[in-house]
C-alpha cells in the first residue's frame, strides 16, 4: 500500500499539513491582532468624536485644526517641520502614547501615571503656554481613560501640568 507513494509526494504532503497546522495555531493565538488592525480606522473616528464633545469654549476652526493634528496617525500624514510648535506637540504626543501603551501592559496606578505624565510634559515647557495646551490636555485625559482606564479629574490634570 505504501509502495505507491513517492518521496516527493510524501514531503509535499508533510509541508502542506505543517503549514496548515501552523496557520491554524497562529490564527487561534493571534486573532486579536487582526481585530486591532481592522478597527484602527474606527478608533480614530471615536477619538475625534470624543474630543469634539470635550472641548467647549474654543474657536471651532482653530480647535478643529489642533484636534485633527493631535489625532492623526503617522501613516496618515508627514511629520511637521523641525523647530515648529506642531513638531514639538507631535513629539510630545508620541512619547505620551508610548508611555500609556507601556503602562497599559503593566499595572496602572493613577499616581504613577500622573507623575510620569508630568515628567514627560516637563521636557516640553513651551507647550504649557501654547495654544495647543487645552487640546493636548483633552487628548491626555481621553487616552488615559481609553488605554489605561485611569480617570483624571480636574485636580489631577493640574498636577500633570504643574507637578504638585
Protein backbone atom coordinates (compact mmCIF):
# COMPACT_ATOMS: atom_id res chain seq x y z
CA UNK A 1 0.00 0.00 0.00
CA UNK A 2 2.75 2.49 0.88
CA UNK A 3 4.85 1.42 -2.10
CA UNK A 4 2.77 3.60 -4.44
CA UNK A 5 3.64 6.87 -2.61
CA UNK A 6 6.75 8.64 -3.85
CA UNK A 7 9.12 10.51 -1.55
CA UNK A 8 8.26 13.76 -3.33
CA UNK A 9 4.54 13.29 -2.64
CA UNK A 10 5.34 12.41 0.97
CA UNK A 11 7.37 15.61 1.57
CA UNK A 12 4.80 17.81 -0.19
CA UNK A 13 2.04 16.34 1.99
CA UNK A 14 4.12 16.90 5.15
CA UNK A 15 4.84 20.51 4.12
CA UNK A 16 1.15 21.24 3.42
CA UNK A 17 -0.04 19.67 6.67
CA UNK A 18 2.61 21.55 8.66
CA UNK A 19 1.76 24.86 7.01
CA UNK A 20 -1.93 24.31 7.66
CA UNK A 21 -1.30 23.35 11.29
CA UNK A 22 0.84 26.43 12.00
CA UNK A 23 -1.64 28.68 10.23
CA UNK A 24 -4.45 27.41 12.45
CA UNK A 25 -2.31 27.86 15.58
CA UNK A 26 -1.34 31.39 14.52
CA UNK A 27 -4.96 32.38 13.90
CA UNK A 28 -6.08 30.89 17.24
CA UNK A 29 -3.41 32.61 19.32
CA UNK A 30 -3.07 35.89 17.47
CA UNK A 31 -6.62 36.60 16.29
CA UNK A 32 -6.77 39.75 18.45
CA UNK A 33 -4.08 41.27 16.22
CA UNK A 34 -6.42 41.03 13.26
CA UNK A 35 -9.17 42.86 15.17
CA UNK A 36 -6.83 45.69 16.20
CA UNK A 37 -5.65 46.32 12.66
CA UNK A 38 -9.18 46.28 11.32
CA UNK A 39 -10.56 48.64 13.99
CA UNK A 40 -7.78 51.23 13.75
CA UNK A 41 -9.83 53.45 11.44
CA UNK A 42 -12.87 53.31 13.72
CA UNK A 43 -10.67 54.22 16.70
CA UNK A 44 -9.58 57.45 15.02
CA UNK A 45 -13.21 58.38 14.43
CA UNK A 46 -14.09 57.60 18.05
CA UNK A 47 -11.19 59.68 19.36
CA UNK A 48 -12.15 62.69 17.26
CA UNK A 49 -15.78 62.48 18.35
CA UNK A 50 -14.68 62.25 22.00
CA UNK A 51 -12.53 65.33 21.63
CA UNK A 52 -15.26 67.30 19.90
CA UNK A 53 -17.54 66.54 22.85
CA UNK A 54 -14.98 67.51 25.50
CA UNK A 55 -13.77 70.79 24.03
CA UNK A 56 -16.03 73.72 24.75
CA UNK A 57 -15.44 77.43 24.51
CA UNK A 58 -12.76 77.16 21.82
CA UNK A 59 -12.79 78.81 18.46
CA UNK A 60 -14.21 75.99 16.35
CA UNK A 61 -11.85 76.37 13.41
CA UNK A 62 -8.58 76.56 15.34
CA UNK A 63 -9.77 73.91 17.80
CA UNK A 64 -10.70 71.54 14.99
CA UNK A 65 -7.34 72.07 13.30
CA UNK A 66 -5.48 71.37 16.54
CA UNK A 67 -7.57 68.31 17.31
CA UNK A 68 -7.17 66.81 13.85
CA UNK A 69 -3.44 67.41 14.15
CA UNK A 70 -3.24 65.65 17.53
CA UNK A 71 -5.24 62.60 16.47
CA UNK A 72 -3.70 61.89 13.10
CA UNK A 73 -1.57 58.81 12.94
CA UNK A 74 1.94 58.81 11.45
CA UNK A 75 0.77 56.85 8.44
CA UNK A 76 -1.88 59.49 7.66
CA UNK A 77 0.43 62.48 7.24
CA UNK A 78 4.02 63.58 7.17
CA UNK A 79 5.73 64.81 10.29
CA UNK A 80 5.68 68.61 10.76
CA UNK A 81 8.84 70.54 10.06
CA UNK A 82 11.50 70.73 12.74
CA UNK A 83 11.59 73.73 15.12
CA UNK A 84 7.86 74.34 14.95
CA UNK A 85 5.31 74.12 17.73
CA UNK A 86 3.44 71.41 15.81
CA UNK A 87 6.58 69.26 15.74
CA UNK A 88 7.02 69.74 19.49
CA UNK A 89 3.41 68.75 20.19
CA UNK A 90 3.69 65.79 17.84
CA UNK A 91 6.86 64.57 19.55
CA UNK A 92 5.27 65.02 22.97
CA UNK A 93 2.17 63.06 21.90
CA UNK A 94 4.36 60.26 20.54
CA UNK A 95 6.11 60.00 23.88
CA UNK A 96 2.85 60.14 25.84
CA UNK A 97 1.23 57.48 23.65
CA UNK A 98 4.26 55.22 24.02
CA UNK A 99 4.21 55.68 27.80
CA UNK A 100 0.46 54.98 28.04
CA UNK A 101 0.80 51.91 25.86
CA UNK A 102 3.56 50.61 28.12
CA UNK A 103 1.54 51.48 31.23
CA UNK A 104 -1.40 49.58 29.79
CA UNK A 105 0.69 46.42 29.57
CA UNK A 106 1.73 46.74 33.20
CA UNK A 107 -0.31 47.60 36.23
CA UNK A 108 -1.58 51.19 36.02
CA UNK A 109 -1.55 53.14 39.26
CA UNK A 110 -3.12 56.58 38.96
CA UNK A 111 -0.47 58.38 41.00
CA UNK A 112 2.37 56.86 38.99
CA UNK A 113 0.66 57.79 35.72
CA UNK A 114 0.26 61.40 36.89
CA UNK A 115 3.91 61.67 37.98
CA UNK A 116 5.20 60.10 34.78
CA UNK A 117 2.99 62.30 32.59
CA UNK A 118 4.36 65.34 34.43
CA UNK A 119 7.92 64.16 33.75
CA UNK A 120 7.13 63.87 30.06
CA UNK A 121 5.43 67.28 29.87
CA UNK A 122 8.30 68.87 31.80
CA UNK A 123 10.54 68.09 28.81
CA UNK A 124 8.36 70.34 26.64
CA UNK A 125 7.91 73.62 28.56
CA UNK A 126 6.78 75.62 25.52
CA UNK A 127 3.60 73.56 25.20
CA UNK A 128 2.24 74.75 28.55
CA UNK A 129 1.98 78.31 27.21
CA UNK A 130 0.92 77.44 23.67
CA UNK A 131 -2.46 77.32 22.02
CA UNK A 132 -2.25 73.52 21.99
CA UNK A 133 -2.34 73.10 25.77
CA UNK A 134 -6.10 72.66 26.11
CA UNK A 135 -6.33 70.24 23.20
CA UNK A 136 -3.36 68.28 24.49
CA UNK A 137 -4.96 68.13 27.94
CA UNK A 138 -8.16 66.73 26.45
CA UNK A 139 -6.19 64.16 24.49
CA UNK A 140 -4.24 63.10 27.59
CA UNK A 141 -7.46 62.68 29.60
CA UNK A 142 -9.08 60.69 26.80
CA UNK A 143 -6.05 58.49 26.19
CA UNK A 144 -5.63 57.77 29.91
CA UNK A 145 -9.24 56.59 30.07
CA UNK A 146 -9.05 54.68 26.79
CA UNK A 147 -5.69 52.97 27.21
CA UNK A 148 -5.19 52.66 30.96
CA UNK A 149 -8.69 53.05 32.45
CA UNK A 150 -7.32 55.89 34.58
CA UNK A 151 -9.85 58.70 35.02
CA UNK A 152 -8.18 62.06 35.58
CA UNK A 153 -10.10 64.74 37.45
CA UNK A 154 -9.52 68.48 37.03
CA UNK A 155 -7.15 68.45 40.02
CA UNK A 156 -5.23 65.55 38.50
CA UNK A 157 -4.85 67.47 35.24
CA UNK A 158 -3.43 70.44 37.16
CA UNK A 159 -0.99 68.06 38.86
CA UNK A 160 0.02 66.65 35.48
CA UNK A 161 0.93 70.12 34.21
CA UNK A 162 2.36 71.63 37.41
CA UNK A 163 3.65 68.55 39.22
CA UNK A 164 2.35 69.19 42.71
